[in-house]
Structure formats: structure tokens, C-alpha cells
Amino acid sequence: MLRTRHTIALGVLCAVAAGCGDDGAAPRALSEAESAALVPADARLAELYENSCKACHTVRDSLAPLTGDRTQWDPRWARGEDALLGVAIAGKNGMPAGGQCFSCSPGDLRALTRFMAGREGG
């Protein structure tokens, strides 16, 4: 079941995040349901994501960029991965420091940010 969810999530991410088979088309916004279907490939990161990130990063009204939605993440990513890590560590606006993930290391936060920005494994 978990492997099927990962396969579906990876397929959705590749299809909509312009990361696989880049045809030059601009990324499109994801729905909350499409965002919520995405899960990190790594089981440990998936658990951290489920417990700390998903509640806000799959709900448009939270004002957090939706997981996998490159229309929201690409401008942030353009500032640099280290800048995004700094925001994840320090918090910003409604996001608490560390995304309220008390067991996340800086490496975990970097990996989670890469995943949510549609750049997992890259």
C-alpha cells in the first residue's frame, strides 16, 4: 500500500511539477488534493512531513506554499536553497521555527524543503 502511494505520488509530482520530461511548459498550480497526495519517498521523511509539514503545506488558506506546486515554490527556490533552509530553521510569518518539527535536523529540514518544492532527489 505504501509503495503504491509513493508510486502514485511520484507520478503526480513528475506529471505536474515539470520535473520529468520537461517539455518547456510552465508549471501549473496544484489543487489541495493533488498536493495532499504527495509523500516523500523516504519513509522517515514521510513521517516527519506527515507530523509537521502537511497540515499547512496542503491547505491553500494557510498561506504556506502547497507541496509540489512549482508555481508557488519556484520564486522561493530562486532565492537559493540555503535561504529556504534559513526560513525553515528560523520560521516566517505563520510558520514557527523549524516548522514545529522538534525532531528535525537541519538536514531533515533541507530534505523536506526539497520535497515540498518539487525537487526531491535532485
C-alpha atoms as a PDB file:
ATOM      1  CA  MET A   1       0.000   0.000   0.000  1.00  0.00           C
ATOM      2  CA  LEU A   2       2.727   2.464   0.994  1.00  0.00           C
ATOM      3  CA  ARG A   3       4.755   1.655  -2.128  1.00  0.00           C
ATOM      4  CA  THR A   4       1.637   2.257  -4.258  1.00  0.00           C
ATOM      5  CA  ARG A   5       1.084   5.649  -2.601  1.00  0.00           C
ATOM      6  CA  HIS A   6       4.721   6.565  -3.254  1.00  0.00           C
ATOM      7  CA  THR A   7       4.437   5.482  -6.882  1.00  0.00           C
ATOM      8  CA  ILE A   8       1.248   7.490  -7.380  1.00  0.00           C
ATOM      9  CA  ALA A   9       2.708  10.492  -5.580  1.00  0.00           C
ATOM     10  CA  LEU A  10       5.883  10.349  -7.652  1.00  0.00           C
ATOM     11  CA  GLY A  11       3.842  10.100 -10.832  1.00  0.00           C
ATOM     12  CA  VAL A  12       1.692  13.074  -9.882  1.00  0.00           C
ATOM     13  CA  LEU A  13       4.751  15.067  -8.903  1.00  0.00           C
ATOM     14  CA  CYS A  14       6.533  14.306 -12.155  1.00  0.00           C
ATOM     15  CA  ALA A  15       3.489  14.993 -14.259  1.00  0.00           C
ATOM     16  CA  VAL A  16       2.575  18.323 -12.714  1.00  0.00           C
ATOM     17  CA  ALA A  17       5.786  19.738 -11.335  1.00  0.00           C
ATOM     18  CA  ALA A  18       7.642  19.998 -14.644  1.00  0.00           C
ATOM     19  CA  GLY A  19      10.472  17.930 -13.224  1.00  0.00           C
ATOM     20  CA  CYS A  20      10.230  14.903 -15.515  1.00  0.00           C
ATOM     21  CA  GLY A  21      10.386  15.149 -19.259  1.00  0.00           C
ATOM     22  CA  ASP A  22      10.492  18.934 -19.226  1.00  0.00           C
ATOM     23  CA  ASP A  23       8.570  19.967 -22.332  1.00  0.00           C
ATOM     24  CA  GLY A  24       9.181  23.658 -21.720  1.00  0.00           C
ATOM     25  CA  ALA A  25       5.659  24.212 -20.443  1.00  0.00           C
ATOM     26  CA  ALA A  26       5.273  26.411 -17.413  1.00  0.00           C
ATOM     27  CA  PRO A  27       4.335  24.613 -14.198  1.00  0.00           C
ATOM     28  CA  ARG A  28       0.677  24.702 -13.257  1.00  0.00           C
ATOM     29  CA  ALA A  29      -0.869  25.264  -9.872  1.00  0.00           C
ATOM     30  CA  LEU A  30      -1.821  22.144  -7.933  1.00  0.00           C
ATOM     31  CA  SER A  31      -5.104  21.595  -6.163  1.00  0.00           C
ATOM     32  CA  GLU A  32      -5.099  20.881  -2.451  1.00  0.00           C
ATOM     33  CA  ALA A  33      -5.960  17.240  -3.233  1.00  0.00           C
ATOM     34  CA  GLU A  34      -3.034  16.887  -5.651  1.00  0.00           C
ATOM     35  CA  SER A  35      -0.710  18.421  -3.083  1.00  0.00           C
ATOM     36  CA  ALA A  36      -2.038  16.216  -0.282  1.00  0.00           C
ATOM     37  CA  ALA A  37      -1.408  13.081  -2.376  1.00  0.00           C
ATOM     38  CA  LEU A  38       2.344  13.728  -2.467  1.00  0.00           C
ATOM     39  CA  VAL A  39       4.544  11.846   0.013  1.00  0.00           C
ATOM     40  CA  PRO A  40       8.337  11.848   0.395  1.00  0.00           C
ATOM     41  CA  ALA A  41       9.927   8.668  -0.973  1.00  0.00           C
ATOM     42  CA  ASP A  42      11.952   8.165   2.226  1.00  0.00           C
ATOM     43  CA  ALA A  43       9.781   6.605   4.961  1.00  0.00           C
ATOM     44  CA  ARG A  44      11.406   8.579   7.796  1.00  0.00           C
ATOM     45  CA  LEU A  45      10.963  11.883   5.953  1.00  0.00           C
ATOM     46  CA  ALA A  46       7.404  10.882   5.102  1.00  0.00           C
ATOM     47  CA  GLU A  47       6.658  10.505   8.814  1.00  0.00           C
ATOM     48  CA  LEU A  48       8.269  13.869   9.647  1.00  0.00           C
ATOM     49  CA  TYR A  49       6.329  15.500   6.801  1.00  0.00           C
ATOM     50  CA  GLU A  50       3.044  13.938   7.922  1.00  0.00           C
ATOM     51  CA  ASN A  51       3.545  15.090  11.521  1.00  0.00           C
ATOM     52  CA  SER A  52       4.932  18.582  10.961  1.00  0.00           C
ATOM     53  CA  CYS A  53       4.530  19.974   7.435  1.00  0.00           C
ATOM     54  CA  LYS A  54       1.486  18.511   5.736  1.00  0.00           C
ATOM     55  CA  ALA A  55      -1.185  20.239   7.834  1.00  0.00           C
ATOM     56  CA  CYS A  56      -0.212  23.651   6.446  1.00  0.00           C
ATOM     57  CA  HIS A  57       1.523  22.854   3.146  1.00  0.00           C
ATOM     58  CA  THR A  58      -1.564  21.166   1.664  1.00  0.00           C
ATOM     59  CA  VAL A  59      -4.106  23.824   2.666  1.00  0.00           C
ATOM     60  CA  ARG A  60      -4.270  26.914   0.478  1.00  0.00           C
ATOM     61  CA  ASP A  61      -5.862  29.036   3.235  1.00  0.00           C
ATOM     62  CA  SER A  62      -2.790  28.534   5.453  1.00  0.00           C
ATOM     63  CA  LEU A  63      -0.858  30.767   3.023  1.00  0.00           C
ATOM     64  CA  ALA A  64       2.014  28.253   3.061  1.00  0.00           C
ATOM     65  CA  PRO A  65       3.177  27.216  -0.415  1.00  0.00           C
ATOM     66  CA  LEU A  66       1.445  23.974  -1.373  1.00  0.00           C
ATOM     67  CA  THR A  67       3.659  20.919  -1.511  1.00  0.00           C
ATOM     68  CA  GLY A  68       4.699  20.186  -5.082  1.00  0.00           C
ATOM     69  CA  ASP A  69       3.198  23.392  -6.503  1.00  0.00           C
ATOM     70  CA  ARG A  70       6.099  24.795  -8.504  1.00  0.00           C
ATOM     71  CA  THR A  71       4.110  27.954  -9.302  1.00  0.00           C
ATOM     72  CA  GLN A  72       4.449  28.798  -5.610  1.00  0.00           C
ATOM     73  CA  TRP A  73       7.859  27.253  -4.907  1.00  0.00           C
ATOM     74  CA  ASP A  74       9.899  28.336  -7.944  1.00  0.00           C
ATOM     75  CA  PRO A  75      10.096  32.026  -6.924  1.00  0.00           C
ATOM     76  CA  ARG A  76      11.168  30.957  -3.442  1.00  0.00           C
ATOM     77  CA  TRP A  77      13.660  28.437  -4.840  1.00  0.00           C
ATOM     78  CA  ALA A  78      15.181  31.209  -6.956  1.00  0.00           C
ATOM     79  CA  ARG A  79      16.370  32.852  -3.706  1.00  0.00           C
ATOM     80  CA  GLY A  80      18.543  29.810  -3.099  1.00  0.00           C
ATOM     81  CA  GLU A  81      18.250  26.583  -1.173  1.00  0.00           C
ATOM     82  CA  ASP A  82      20.266  27.989   1.742  1.00  0.00           C
ATOM     83  CA  ALA A  83      17.837  30.914   2.060  1.00  0.00           C
ATOM     84  CA  LEU A  84      14.911  28.465   2.201  1.00  0.00           C
ATOM     85  CA  LEU A  85      16.712  26.415   4.834  1.00  0.00           C
ATOM     86  CA  GLY A  86      17.205  29.598   6.859  1.00  0.00           C
ATOM     87  CA  VAL A  87      13.471  30.290   6.714  1.00  0.00           C
ATOM     88  CA  ALA A  88      12.672  26.702   7.710  1.00  0.00           C
ATOM     89  CA  ILE A  89      15.021  26.945  10.690  1.00  0.00           C
ATOM     90  CA  ALA A  90      14.007  30.429  11.857  1.00  0.00           C
ATOM     91  CA  GLY A  91      10.339  30.384  10.837  1.00  0.00           C
ATOM     92  CA  LYS A  92       8.498  33.078   8.937  1.00  0.00           C
ATOM     93  CA  ASN A  93       5.084  34.687   9.176  1.00  0.00           C
ATOM     94  CA  GLY A  94       2.752  31.930  10.446  1.00  0.00           C
ATOM     95  CA  MET A  95       5.369  29.166  10.253  1.00  0.00           C
ATOM     96  CA  PRO A  96       7.046  28.503  13.590  1.00  0.00           C
ATOM     97  CA  ALA A  97      10.786  27.907  13.860  1.00  0.00           C
ATOM     98  CA  GLY A  98      11.718  24.516  12.494  1.00  0.00           C
ATOM     99  CA  GLY A  99       8.202  24.112  11.162  1.00  0.00           C
ATOM    100  CA  GLN A 100       7.463  22.895  14.677  1.00  0.00           C
ATOM    101  CA  CYS A 101       9.351  19.700  13.880  1.00  0.00           C
ATOM    102  CA  PHE A 102      11.221  19.197  17.120  1.00  0.00           C
ATOM    103  CA  SER A 103      12.980  16.058  15.888  1.00  0.00           C
ATOM    104  CA  CYS A 104      14.092  17.547  12.546  1.00  0.00           C
ATOM    105  CA  SER A 105      17.773  18.202  11.955  1.00  0.00           C
ATOM    106  CA  PRO A 106      18.867  20.912   9.503  1.00  0.00           C
ATOM    107  CA  GLY A 107      19.443  18.078   7.018  1.00  0.00           C
ATOM    108  CA  ASP A 108      15.878  16.875   7.526  1.00  0.00           C
ATOM    109  CA  LEU A 109      14.536  20.396   7.003  1.00  0.00           C
ATOM    110  CA  ARG A 110      16.594  20.708   3.813  1.00  0.00           C
ATOM    111  CA  ALA A 111      15.279  17.371   2.512  1.00  0.00           C
ATOM    112  CA  LEU A 112      11.699  18.269   3.433  1.00  0.00           C
ATOM    113  CA  THR A 113      12.012  21.647   1.733  1.00  0.00           C
ATOM    114  CA  ARG A 114      13.432  19.977  -1.402  1.00  0.00           C
ATOM    115  CA  PHE A 115      10.490  17.566  -1.392  1.00  0.00           C
ATOM    116  CA  MET A 116       7.862  20.262  -0.910  1.00  0.00           C
ATOM    117  CA  ALA A 117       9.489  22.442  -3.575  1.00  0.00           C
ATOM    118  CA  GLY A 118       9.236  19.582  -6.081  1.00  0.00           C
ATOM    119  CA  ARG A 119      12.960  18.883  -6.115  1.00  0.00           C
ATOM    120  CA  GLU A 120      13.220  15.664  -4.122  1.00  0.00           C
ATOM    121  CA  GLY A 121      16.232  13.618  -5.118  1.00  0.00           C
ATOM    122  CA  GLY A 122      17.673  16.431  -7.199  1.00  0.00           C
END
